[in-house]
Protein backbone atom coordinates (compact mmCIF):
# COMPACT_ATOMS: atom_id res chain seq x y z
CA MET A 1 -13.88 -2.06 -25.12
CA SER A 2 -12.17 -5.28 -26.05
CA ARG A 3 -13.23 -8.70 -24.83
CA ASP A 4 -10.15 -8.93 -22.59
CA GLY A 5 -10.84 -5.48 -21.18
CA LEU A 6 -14.41 -6.45 -20.34
CA ALA A 7 -13.20 -9.67 -18.71
CA THR A 8 -10.77 -7.66 -16.57
CA VAL A 9 -13.53 -5.27 -15.48
CA LEU A 10 -15.81 -8.18 -14.66
CA ASP A 11 -13.10 -9.88 -12.58
CA ARG A 12 -12.50 -6.68 -10.64
CA LEU A 13 -16.21 -6.19 -10.01
CA ARG A 14 -16.53 -9.74 -8.71
CA GLY A 15 -13.63 -9.18 -6.31
CA TRP A 16 -14.90 -5.82 -5.10
CA THR A 17 -16.30 -5.43 -1.62
CA VAL A 18 -18.33 -2.50 -0.37
CA PHE A 19 -16.54 -0.16 2.01
CA ASP A 20 -17.98 -0.65 5.48
CA GLY A 21 -17.32 2.57 7.41
CA GLY A 22 -18.39 0.95 10.66
CA ALA A 23 -15.67 -1.70 10.70
CA PRO A 24 -12.77 0.77 10.81
CA LEU A 25 -14.51 2.76 13.53
CA ASP A 26 -15.04 -0.37 15.63
CA ASP A 27 -11.37 -1.28 15.33
CA VAL A 28 -10.29 2.31 16.07
CA ALA A 29 -12.47 2.28 19.19
CA THR A 30 -10.84 -0.97 20.29
CA ALA A 31 -7.32 0.38 19.69
CA LEU A 32 -7.97 3.70 21.45
CA ASP A 33 -10.06 2.41 24.36
CA ASP A 34 -8.88 3.12 27.90
CA VAL A 35 -8.60 -0.64 28.37
CA PRO A 36 -6.07 -1.96 25.85
CA PRO A 37 -6.93 -5.07 23.86
CA VAL A 38 -5.72 -8.39 25.21
CA GLU A 39 -2.23 -9.28 24.14
CA GLU A 40 -3.41 -12.23 22.05
CA ALA A 41 -5.53 -9.92 19.88
CA THR A 42 -2.79 -7.35 19.21
CA GLU A 43 -1.43 -8.75 15.95
CA GLU A 44 -4.88 -9.42 14.48
CA LEU A 45 -6.12 -5.91 15.37
CA ALA A 46 -2.96 -4.36 13.93
CA GLU A 47 -3.47 -6.27 10.69
CA ARG A 48 -7.10 -5.08 10.41
CA LEU A 49 -6.05 -1.48 11.10
CA ARG A 50 -3.33 -1.72 8.44
CA GLY A 51 -5.96 -3.00 6.01
CA HIS A 52 -8.28 -0.11 6.83
CA LEU A 53 -5.40 2.33 6.32
CA MET A 54 -4.50 0.95 2.92
CA ARG A 55 -8.12 0.92 1.81
CA LEU A 56 -8.47 4.57 2.84
CA VAL A 57 -5.20 5.43 1.10
CA THR A 58 -6.47 3.75 -2.07
CA ILE A 59 -9.71 5.75 -1.87
CA ALA A 60 -7.81 9.00 -1.28
CA VAL A 61 -5.40 8.40 -4.16
CA ALA A 62 -8.20 7.39 -6.54
CA ALA A 63 -10.06 10.59 -5.65
CA GLU A 64 -6.83 12.60 -6.01
CA ALA A 65 -7.49 14.01 -2.54
CA GLU A 66 -3.79 14.28 -1.74
CA GLN A 67 -3.35 16.68 -4.67
CA ARG A 68 -6.04 19.01 -3.33
CA ASP A 69 -5.31 18.75 0.39
CA GLU A 70 -1.82 18.84 1.89
CA THR A 71 -3.11 17.34 5.13
CA VAL A 72 -4.42 14.30 3.25
CA ALA A 73 -1.04 13.94 1.56
CA GLN A 74 0.67 13.96 4.97
CA LEU A 75 -1.82 11.46 6.38
CA ILE A 76 -1.24 9.15 3.41
CA GLU A 77 2.51 9.33 3.93
CA ARG A 78 2.12 8.56 7.64
CA ALA A 79 -0.32 5.70 6.87
CA ARG A 80 2.16 4.11 4.49
CA ALA A 81 4.97 4.38 7.03
CA LEU A 82 2.85 2.90 9.82
CA ARG A 83 1.64 0.08 7.62
CA ALA A 84 5.23 -0.91 6.91
CA GLU A 85 6.02 -1.24 10.62
CA GLY A 86 5.48 -4.51 12.39
CA VAL A 87 4.04 -4.78 15.87
CA PRO A 88 6.94 -4.07 18.23
CA GLU A 89 8.02 -6.37 21.05
CA GLY A 90 6.72 -5.63 24.52
CA ARG A 91 3.14 -5.17 25.64
CA TRP A 92 3.12 -1.38 25.97
CA ASN A 93 5.13 -0.81 22.81
CA ALA A 94 2.55 -2.90 20.96
CA VAL A 95 -0.32 -0.96 22.54
CA GLY A 96 1.34 2.31 21.52
CA HIS A 97 1.67 1.03 17.96
CA LEU A 98 -2.01 0.03 17.89
CA ARG A 99 -2.97 3.49 19.09
CA ARG A 100 -0.86 5.16 16.40
CA LEU A 101 -2.55 2.95 13.80
CA GLY A 102 -5.95 3.74 15.28
CA TRP A 103 -5.37 7.49 15.21
CA ALA A 104 -4.10 7.33 11.64
CA VAL A 105 -7.23 5.46 10.50
CA HIS A 106 -9.46 7.89 12.41
CA GLU A 107 -7.78 11.02 11.06
CA LEU A 108 -7.70 9.86 7.45
CA LEU A 109 -11.31 8.65 7.54
CA GLU A 110 -12.44 11.91 9.13
CA ARG A 111 -10.52 14.03 6.61
CA LEU A 112 -11.87 12.11 3.63
CA ALA A 113 -15.43 12.28 4.96
CA SER A 114 -15.35 16.06 5.39
């Protein structure tokens, strides 16, 4: 491998963080709880859930899971669509959006773990 190639690998390794499976589950639990999160926390929770979704999508694509499992391919497509949506106006619309994000994270994580 060339010197530049090694430098690129080293930079990527330094920027890499270990996947923490507990963090997505905590955020999913918050989004799906019977008591919705406070309004002030909605945007921050949505952003974390979007991040979890994209990390799971990256893992699925790298493992070529969508090529072997049609359900994973559908979940990836739904995750990408949800990630592109902003938090809608109105308290209950925002809560509904958080719950859709939460279910998408849960389903994709569960499918990839099986």
